[in-house]
Amino acid sequence: MVSAKAARGGSTLGDLRQSGAMKLLFPRPDPAMLQAIIINSAGGITGGDSFALTARAEAKAALSLTTQAAERAYRAQPGQVANLRNTLAVDSGATLHWLPQETILYDG
């Protein structure tokens, strides 16, 4: 969970909760827009993985989300499923940029 809130004419971190292989990095402070980079330290997605991201731009705040690189999806064993769930919310007068890079599907 990450949220941006309006503060002093710009945006700042409102809430941050993270666990497991999915982490967020904040490269440099930009008073106008909170910028966050989504990191998957597992190196890819395969059967049995479950990732969930919830992001909210609160009223009059600005939040930009991207990924560090293309996400890799690896072949899983029969019957194994990977789950990715992204939930984005934008409150009144807020801005949210969702800019993930592409997903690469690996056959082997």
N, C-alpha and C. Protein backbone atom coordinates (compact mmCIF):
# COMPACT_ATOMS: atom_id res chain seq x y z
N MET A 1 0.85 -1.17 0.00
CA MET A 1 0.00 0.00 0.00
C MET A 1 0.89 1.23 0.00
N VAL A 2 0.60 2.13 -0.91
CA VAL A 2 1.29 3.42 -0.93
C VAL A 2 0.24 4.49 -1.20
N SER A 3 0.41 5.62 -0.55
CA SER A 3 -0.47 6.75 -0.85
C SER A 3 0.34 8.04 -0.83
N ALA A 4 -0.13 8.98 -1.65
CA ALA A 4 0.45 10.32 -1.68
C ALA A 4 -0.59 11.28 -1.14
N LYS A 5 -0.15 12.25 -0.35
CA LYS A 5 -1.07 13.25 0.16
C LYS A 5 -0.54 14.64 -0.16
N ALA A 6 -1.45 15.59 -0.28
CA ALA A 6 -1.08 16.97 -0.56
C ALA A 6 -0.43 17.57 0.68
N ALA A 7 0.65 18.33 0.45
CA ALA A 7 1.35 18.97 1.57
C ALA A 7 2.14 20.17 1.05
N ARG A 8 1.95 21.30 1.67
CA ARG A 8 2.71 22.51 1.35
C ARG A 8 2.80 22.81 -0.14
N GLY A 9 1.69 22.73 -0.83
CA GLY A 9 1.67 23.04 -2.25
C GLY A 9 2.20 21.94 -3.15
N GLY A 10 2.54 20.79 -2.61
CA GLY A 10 3.04 19.68 -3.40
C GLY A 10 2.46 18.37 -2.92
N SER A 11 3.25 17.29 -3.03
CA SER A 11 2.80 15.96 -2.61
C SER A 11 3.89 15.28 -1.80
N THR A 12 3.48 14.48 -0.84
CA THR A 12 4.42 13.75 0.00
C THR A 12 3.85 12.36 0.30
N LEU A 13 4.66 11.50 0.87
CA LEU A 13 4.23 10.15 1.21
C LEU A 13 3.20 10.20 2.32
N GLY A 14 2.05 9.58 2.08
CA GLY A 14 1.00 9.53 3.08
C GLY A 14 1.05 8.24 3.89
N ASP A 15 1.21 7.11 3.20
CA ASP A 15 1.22 5.80 3.86
C ASP A 15 2.08 4.87 3.03
N LEU A 16 2.81 3.97 3.69
CA LEU A 16 3.61 2.97 3.00
C LEU A 16 3.62 1.70 3.82
N ARG A 17 3.16 0.61 3.21
CA ARG A 17 3.24 -0.72 3.81
C ARG A 17 3.71 -1.67 2.71
N GLN A 18 4.78 -2.40 2.98
CA GLN A 18 5.31 -3.32 1.97
C GLN A 18 5.87 -4.56 2.65
N SER A 19 5.85 -5.67 1.91
CA SER A 19 6.38 -6.92 2.44
C SER A 19 6.76 -7.83 1.28
N GLY A 20 7.50 -8.88 1.59
CA GLY A 20 7.89 -9.85 0.57
C GLY A 20 8.83 -9.26 -0.47
N ALA A 21 8.71 -9.76 -1.70
CA ALA A 21 9.62 -9.38 -2.77
C ALA A 21 9.26 -8.06 -3.45
N MET A 22 8.05 -7.56 -3.23
CA MET A 22 7.65 -6.30 -3.86
C MET A 22 7.98 -5.13 -2.93
N LYS A 23 8.81 -4.22 -3.42
CA LYS A 23 9.23 -3.05 -2.65
C LYS A 23 9.04 -1.80 -3.50
N LEU A 24 8.99 -0.67 -2.84
CA LEU A 24 8.93 0.62 -3.52
C LEU A 24 10.16 1.43 -3.14
N LEU A 25 10.74 2.09 -4.13
CA LEU A 25 11.84 3.02 -3.90
C LEU A 25 11.40 4.40 -4.35
N PHE A 26 11.90 5.41 -3.67
CA PHE A 26 11.55 6.79 -3.98
C PHE A 26 12.84 7.49 -4.39
N PRO A 27 13.09 7.62 -5.70
CA PRO A 27 14.41 8.01 -6.21
C PRO A 27 14.89 9.39 -5.78
N ARG A 28 14.05 10.39 -5.85
CA ARG A 28 14.46 11.73 -5.42
C ARG A 28 13.20 12.53 -5.11
N PRO A 29 13.32 13.35 -4.11
CA PRO A 29 12.14 14.12 -3.75
C PRO A 29 11.78 15.14 -4.83
N ASP A 30 10.55 15.12 -5.23
CA ASP A 30 10.00 16.11 -6.16
C ASP A 30 8.80 16.72 -5.43
N PRO A 31 8.89 17.96 -5.04
CA PRO A 31 7.81 18.53 -4.24
C PRO A 31 6.45 18.54 -4.94
N ALA A 32 6.43 18.53 -6.26
CA ALA A 32 5.15 18.59 -6.98
C ALA A 32 4.48 17.22 -7.08
N MET A 33 5.29 16.14 -7.22
CA MET A 33 4.72 14.80 -7.43
C MET A 33 5.57 13.77 -6.71
N LEU A 34 4.93 12.90 -5.94
CA LEU A 34 5.63 11.79 -5.31
C LEU A 34 5.90 10.74 -6.37
N GLN A 35 7.17 10.38 -6.55
CA GLN A 35 7.56 9.39 -7.55
C GLN A 35 7.99 8.11 -6.84
N ALA A 36 7.46 6.97 -7.30
CA ALA A 36 7.80 5.68 -6.71
C ALA A 36 8.13 4.68 -7.80
N ILE A 37 9.16 3.86 -7.55
CA ILE A 37 9.56 2.80 -8.47
C ILE A 37 9.25 1.46 -7.81
N ILE A 38 8.50 0.62 -8.52
CA ILE A 38 8.12 -0.70 -8.02
C ILE A 38 9.25 -1.68 -8.34
N ILE A 39 9.74 -2.38 -7.32
CA ILE A 39 10.84 -3.33 -7.46
C ILE A 39 10.33 -4.73 -7.12
N ASN A 40 10.61 -5.71 -7.98
CA ASN A 40 10.35 -7.11 -7.66
C ASN A 40 11.71 -7.77 -7.45
N SER A 41 12.10 -7.93 -6.19
CA SER A 41 13.43 -8.47 -5.90
C SER A 41 13.52 -9.97 -6.17
N ALA A 42 12.41 -10.63 -6.51
CA ALA A 42 12.43 -12.06 -6.84
C ALA A 42 12.97 -12.31 -8.24
N GLY A 43 13.03 -11.29 -9.08
CA GLY A 43 13.57 -11.45 -10.42
C GLY A 43 12.57 -11.87 -11.47
N GLY A 44 11.35 -12.13 -11.09
CA GLY A 44 10.33 -12.52 -12.06
C GLY A 44 9.13 -13.12 -11.35
N ILE A 45 8.16 -13.55 -12.15
CA ILE A 45 6.92 -14.12 -11.62
C ILE A 45 6.78 -15.53 -12.16
N THR A 46 6.38 -16.46 -11.30
CA THR A 46 6.14 -17.84 -11.72
C THR A 46 4.99 -18.43 -10.92
N GLY A 47 4.63 -19.66 -11.20
CA GLY A 47 3.51 -20.30 -10.53
C GLY A 47 3.61 -20.25 -9.02
N GLY A 48 2.51 -19.93 -8.37
CA GLY A 48 2.47 -19.84 -6.92
C GLY A 48 2.73 -18.45 -6.37
N ASP A 49 3.24 -17.55 -7.20
CA ASP A 49 3.49 -16.18 -6.75
C ASP A 49 2.19 -15.40 -6.64
N SER A 50 2.15 -14.50 -5.69
CA SER A 50 1.00 -13.62 -5.53
C SER A 50 1.50 -12.23 -5.14
N PHE A 51 1.25 -11.26 -5.99
CA PHE A 51 1.66 -9.88 -5.74
C PHE A 51 0.42 -8.99 -5.76
N ALA A 52 0.35 -8.06 -4.83
CA ALA A 52 -0.75 -7.10 -4.79
C ALA A 52 -0.20 -5.72 -4.50
N LEU A 53 -0.65 -4.74 -5.26
CA LEU A 53 -0.25 -3.35 -5.05
C LEU A 53 -1.52 -2.51 -4.98
N THR A 54 -1.62 -1.72 -3.93
CA THR A 54 -2.71 -0.76 -3.80
C THR A 54 -2.08 0.62 -3.71
N ALA A 55 -2.50 1.52 -4.59
CA ALA A 55 -1.95 2.88 -4.60
C ALA A 55 -3.09 3.88 -4.63
N ARG A 56 -2.91 4.98 -3.90
CA ARG A 56 -3.95 6.01 -3.84
C ARG A 56 -3.29 7.38 -3.91
N ALA A 57 -3.83 8.21 -4.78
CA ALA A 57 -3.48 9.63 -4.78
C ALA A 57 -4.62 10.33 -4.04
N GLU A 58 -4.32 10.82 -2.85
CA GLU A 58 -5.34 11.48 -2.05
C GLU A 58 -5.69 12.84 -2.65
N ALA A 59 -6.73 13.47 -2.16
CA ALA A 59 -7.23 14.73 -2.71
C ALA A 59 -6.10 15.74 -2.94
N LYS A 60 -6.01 16.26 -4.15
CA LYS A 60 -5.07 17.30 -4.58
C LYS A 60 -3.61 16.87 -4.54
N ALA A 61 -3.34 15.57 -4.42
CA ALA A 61 -1.97 15.06 -4.44
C ALA A 61 -1.64 14.51 -5.82
N ALA A 62 -0.34 14.29 -6.07
CA ALA A 62 0.11 13.71 -7.34
C ALA A 62 1.06 12.56 -7.04
N LEU A 63 0.84 11.42 -7.70
CA LEU A 63 1.63 10.21 -7.50
C LEU A 63 1.97 9.62 -8.85
N SER A 64 3.24 9.26 -9.05
CA SER A 64 3.70 8.62 -10.27
C SER A 64 4.32 7.27 -9.90
N LEU A 65 3.83 6.19 -10.53
CA LEU A 65 4.33 4.84 -10.28
C LEU A 65 4.87 4.24 -11.56
N THR A 66 6.05 3.64 -11.48
CA THR A 66 6.63 2.93 -12.61
C THR A 66 7.38 1.72 -12.07
N THR A 67 7.91 0.90 -12.97
CA THR A 67 8.72 -0.25 -12.56
C THR A 67 10.16 0.00 -12.95
N GLN A 68 11.09 -0.71 -12.30
CA GLN A 68 12.50 -0.49 -12.59
C GLN A 68 12.91 -1.08 -13.94
N ALA A 69 12.19 -2.10 -14.37
CA ALA A 69 12.53 -2.79 -15.63
C ALA A 69 11.31 -3.59 -16.07
N ALA A 70 11.43 -4.22 -17.23
CA ALA A 70 10.36 -5.11 -17.69
C ALA A 70 10.22 -6.27 -16.70
N GLU A 71 8.99 -6.67 -16.45
CA GLU A 71 8.73 -7.80 -15.56
C GLU A 71 8.85 -9.09 -16.36
N ARG A 72 9.44 -10.12 -15.76
CA ARG A 72 9.57 -11.41 -16.43
C ARG A 72 8.56 -12.39 -15.84
N ALA A 73 7.87 -13.10 -16.71
CA ALA A 73 6.95 -14.15 -16.28
C ALA A 73 7.51 -15.48 -16.79
N TYR A 74 7.79 -16.40 -15.86
CA TYR A 74 8.38 -17.68 -16.21
C TYR A 74 7.33 -18.78 -16.25
N ARG A 75 7.63 -19.82 -17.04
CA ARG A 75 6.72 -20.96 -17.15
C ARG A 75 6.54 -21.60 -15.78
N ALA A 76 5.32 -22.03 -15.50
CA ALA A 76 5.00 -22.69 -14.24
C ALA A 76 4.66 -24.15 -14.49
N GLN A 77 4.64 -24.92 -13.44
CA GLN A 77 4.22 -26.31 -13.53
C GLN A 77 2.71 -26.35 -13.81
N PRO A 78 2.22 -27.41 -14.46
CA PRO A 78 0.78 -27.51 -14.73
C PRO A 78 -0.04 -27.31 -13.45
N GLY A 79 -1.06 -26.48 -13.56
CA GLY A 79 -1.94 -26.22 -12.43
C GLY A 79 -1.49 -25.10 -11.51
N GLN A 80 -0.24 -24.63 -11.66
CA GLN A 80 0.23 -23.53 -10.83
C GLN A 80 -0.12 -22.20 -11.49
N VAL A 81 -0.57 -21.27 -10.70
CA VAL A 81 -1.00 -19.97 -11.21
C VAL A 81 -0.27 -18.88 -10.44
N ALA A 82 0.08 -17.81 -11.13
CA ALA A 82 0.61 -16.61 -10.48
C ALA A 82 -0.49 -15.55 -10.49
N ASN A 83 -0.59 -14.80 -9.42
CA ASN A 83 -1.60 -13.76 -9.32
C ASN A 83 -0.95 -12.40 -9.13
N LEU A 84 -1.36 -11.45 -9.95
CA LEU A 84 -0.94 -10.05 -9.82
C LEU A 84 -2.20 -9.22 -9.71
N ARG A 85 -2.28 -8.37 -8.69
CA ARG A 85 -3.46 -7.53 -8.53
C ARG A 85 -3.00 -6.10 -8.24
N ASN A 86 -3.41 -5.17 -9.09
CA ASN A 86 -3.11 -3.76 -8.91
C ASN A 86 -4.42 -3.01 -8.70
N THR A 87 -4.49 -2.24 -7.63
CA THR A 87 -5.67 -1.44 -7.33
C THR A 87 -5.22 0.01 -7.23
N LEU A 88 -5.75 0.85 -8.11
CA LEU A 88 -5.37 2.26 -8.15
C LEU A 88 -6.58 3.12 -7.83
N ALA A 89 -6.39 4.13 -6.99
CA ALA A 89 -7.49 5.04 -6.63
C ALA A 89 -7.00 6.47 -6.74
N VAL A 90 -7.87 7.31 -7.27
CA VAL A 90 -7.54 8.73 -7.45
C VAL A 90 -8.67 9.55 -6.84
N ASP A 91 -8.35 10.29 -5.78
CA ASP A 91 -9.35 11.12 -5.12
C ASP A 91 -9.55 12.42 -5.89
N SER A 92 -10.53 13.19 -5.49
CA SER A 92 -10.91 14.43 -6.16
C SER A 92 -9.73 15.41 -6.27
N GLY A 93 -9.49 15.88 -7.48
CA GLY A 93 -8.43 16.86 -7.72
C GLY A 93 -7.02 16.28 -7.71
N ALA A 94 -6.89 14.97 -7.65
CA ALA A 94 -5.58 14.31 -7.60
C ALA A 94 -5.16 13.82 -8.98
N THR A 95 -3.88 13.45 -9.09
CA THR A 95 -3.31 12.91 -10.32
C THR A 95 -2.54 11.64 -9.98
N LEU A 96 -2.71 10.59 -10.79
CA LEU A 96 -1.94 9.37 -10.62
C LEU A 96 -1.44 8.93 -11.99
N HIS A 97 -0.12 8.83 -12.13
CA HIS A 97 0.48 8.32 -13.37
C HIS A 97 0.84 6.85 -13.13
N TRP A 98 0.34 5.95 -13.97
CA TRP A 98 0.62 4.50 -13.89
C TRP A 98 1.43 4.16 -15.12
N LEU A 99 2.74 3.92 -14.96
CA LEU A 99 3.65 3.77 -16.09
C LEU A 99 4.52 2.52 -15.97
N PRO A 100 3.94 1.33 -15.79
CA PRO A 100 4.78 0.14 -15.70
C PRO A 100 5.39 -0.20 -17.07
N GLN A 101 6.57 -0.81 -17.03
CA GLN A 101 7.18 -1.27 -18.27
C GLN A 101 6.53 -2.59 -18.68
N GLU A 102 6.89 -3.08 -19.84
CA GLU A 102 6.24 -4.26 -20.42
C GLU A 102 6.54 -5.53 -19.62
N THR A 103 5.78 -6.59 -19.92
CA THR A 103 5.99 -7.91 -19.35
C THR A 103 6.53 -8.83 -20.43
N ILE A 104 7.58 -9.58 -20.10
CA ILE A 104 8.20 -10.51 -21.03
C ILE A 104 7.81 -11.92 -20.60
N LEU A 105 7.18 -12.67 -21.51
CA LEU A 105 6.77 -14.04 -21.21
C LEU A 105 7.85 -15.01 -21.69
N TYR A 106 8.38 -15.81 -20.76
CA TYR A 106 9.42 -16.78 -21.08
C TYR A 106 8.78 -18.16 -21.24
N ASP A 107 9.18 -18.87 -22.29
CA ASP A 107 8.63 -20.19 -22.58
C ASP A 107 9.33 -21.29 -21.78
N GLY A 108 10.57 -21.07 -21.44
CA GLY A 108 11.33 -22.15 -20.80
C GLY A 108 11.82 -21.87 -19.44
